[in-house]
Structures are given as C-alpha cells and as structure tokens.
Amino acid sequence: MKKENIAEPVPIRTFNLLRIKIPWIYAGLSQVLFTAVIWLGLASFSSHKEGDIINTKFHETEESLVLIRGNSPGLSHPLRLTDPFRESPGLLALRDHLDIVVNQHREQGGISKVSLYFRSLSDGRWFSINGDAGYIPGSILKVPVMMAFMKMEEEKPGVLNRKVTFDRPIANPKSETYRESPLKLGNTYTIRELIENMIVHSDNIATTLLLMNMFDSDRYRKVYSELGLPVPAPFDPDFRLTAAHISRFLRVLYNASFLNEKNSHDALELLTRATFSEGMSGGVPAGTRVAHKFGEAGDNVQLQFSETGIFYHPEKPYLLTVMTEGSDSRLQAGLIRDLSAAAWEFMGQ
C-alpha cells in the first residue's frame, strides 16, 4: 500500500509496547505524560489481580460451564462470557476439515506453526487446534484500545469528541507488510476519528495518538482483567495470547456484554469496514459482512501473522481466529483466507 507523505521526522527514540512502535517525542511535557499514562495504567501486571474477575468452573463434564464475570463494587457481578468446558463433538468434522487445510499449507513451506479457535455464535459450541500455543497479537490489540475508549465514553460522555492535534512527526521504524495512514501532519482529529483510522486502516499513527491521550489507562487494563485475560506488563515485547484469548474481544462485542449495545454495534461496524482483504474477508462471497482485525509481529525469520473475525452467516453466525508463525506474511495470509473459505463452505452445508 502507498505510504503517507509527511514531513521527515527528527530522530527520536522508540520503545515497543505490544509490538506497536511508540515515539518518545522530545524531552518535554508530552514525554512525561505519556510515560505516566502507560506506567500507571499497566504497571507490573503480568496477569490479572485477585478480584478483577470471577472465573467459575463447574464439574468437568461435557455439560460443564466456565463463567467469566466482571468485578463490580456492588452486589452484582456482570456476566461477560460463558463457555462449555469441553469442545463440541458435533464440530469434529469441521475441525478435521480445517486441520487438513492447515497441513497442506505447512507442507508447502513458509509456515511453521498454526493455531485456531472456532465458535458457533448461535449455540456456543467451539473447538480449537493447537489451542495452548501463545502468539504475539500485534495490531489485533488495537481492538481493546478501542474498547477502552468506548467504555470511557459510557462512563463520561463526550470522550470520543475530544480533539487531538497531530502536531509532530511520528516515526514508525517497524517494517510492516500491510500499512496505510490517511492522517495528515498538522491536522486535528477527534478521538472518534482516530479510533476509526486505527481500526479501519490499522493505522499505527492513530494508535500512538490515542495511547498518548488515554487519560484513564486503568480502563485499558480492565478490558483484559474483566475478560479473564493476562494483562500486558509495560514494555513487554513478548506479550502473548492464545487464539481463544484473542477471540474474547469480539465475543463480548457480539454479546454486548462489556460495552452497551450501541457501542458494541459501533465497534463491530468499524471492524466490518477494515480494509485488509487478503485474509478472512477474501475467503467468503463478496458482500459478506465480516467484522475482523489482523495483526503482524516479529521479523522475516520468525513472523507472526494472525486474524480474528466474526462471520455474519445468514443462518449460522460464527467466529474464527487464526494465529500463525512463519517466514512469509503473504503465505500466512493466504492460509487464513483458505481456512476462512473452508469454514464458510462447511457452514453452508
């Protein structure tokens, strides 16, 4: 994709937060504020704190449920997610079918490791392949950034209309296969507009500006903790989640069990407009609505490329998350596209 034209940035140091390159912009107030935001919001949490979630596991039979509830200061504890404890035997045929597609691609080279998570959204049945493996999610973690801002909007209306000026060049030295940014240096944008660019165009500049203006970073941490996920520690270049973990972000949006119904709808609507088309959306018929987000991390020696999406099948909506490791992002995206096509064809039977 064509790169944006902006003024050449002055040399700046960077640090890596969840594989997103964030600049230290000069030695002034913005540096102090940004550092404080990240450290106060994420400081020393490598996993959830006791009391952040209630995760109840019943007897481990096929009928058992795992419940994930948000922590509330009141007497109620909102239900975020409900999971059958065991994979569904009724989906074994689909699991085997997708496993064949995975093995065919691995035999062709360029892909060393693959994990996936599938969930029927109409009845909750699920299965995974290589489900215990962790991956660096890359830009998929822009989804919880969006969720944090939308939650702040619910708690304090007007947050999304706040304005941010893109007043200094932002270096992005990380090599990316898929990149675009329509943001122009010197322009002013609302938080809502930055979220749109971050999700629709996977724009790292928009993400940087949002992180620099996340005044309630504790809310960002709670997106993870209230979904029963590990919370990323500051400056951790190797933060990993499984395919099932990643799927929780889209699941709670679909269920409107974290954000209210309007904001859940708005978040998913942005995800259906994502411009990346070489993965999941390329494997289904034209015009099919897919709420999806891709992410890449690592380098050409060990490149991680992943995508998660909700497929709005007219009768059988479902969620699919695929996480891969290899040496060629185009081949990895092609595998995700073929898995998407195989799942769609199977669900149409």
Foldseek 3Di string as FASTA:
>chain_A
DDEDDAPDADDFDWFADLNQTATCDDDDDLNVLLVCLQCVQFAPFQFADPQQWDWDWDPLDQQIKTWIWGRDPDPDTFTQDIARNDADPVCVVLVVLLVVLVVVLVVVAFFDDKKKKKAFPVPGHIDIDPQVDWDSQALLLLLLLLVLQLVVCVVPPPQQFDKDAQAHDTDGPDDDPAAYAPDYHGDMDGNVVLSLCCQQGVHSVSVNRSSSPPPPSNSSQSVQSSLRHGGDHPSDQTRIDGNVSSQSSLSSLVVVRRPHVVSSVVSQVSQQNRPDCLAQVVQDDPPWGKRKDKRWHDALQWIKIKMKIWTPDVPTIMIMIMITIGRDVSSVRNSRSNSNNSVVVVVVD
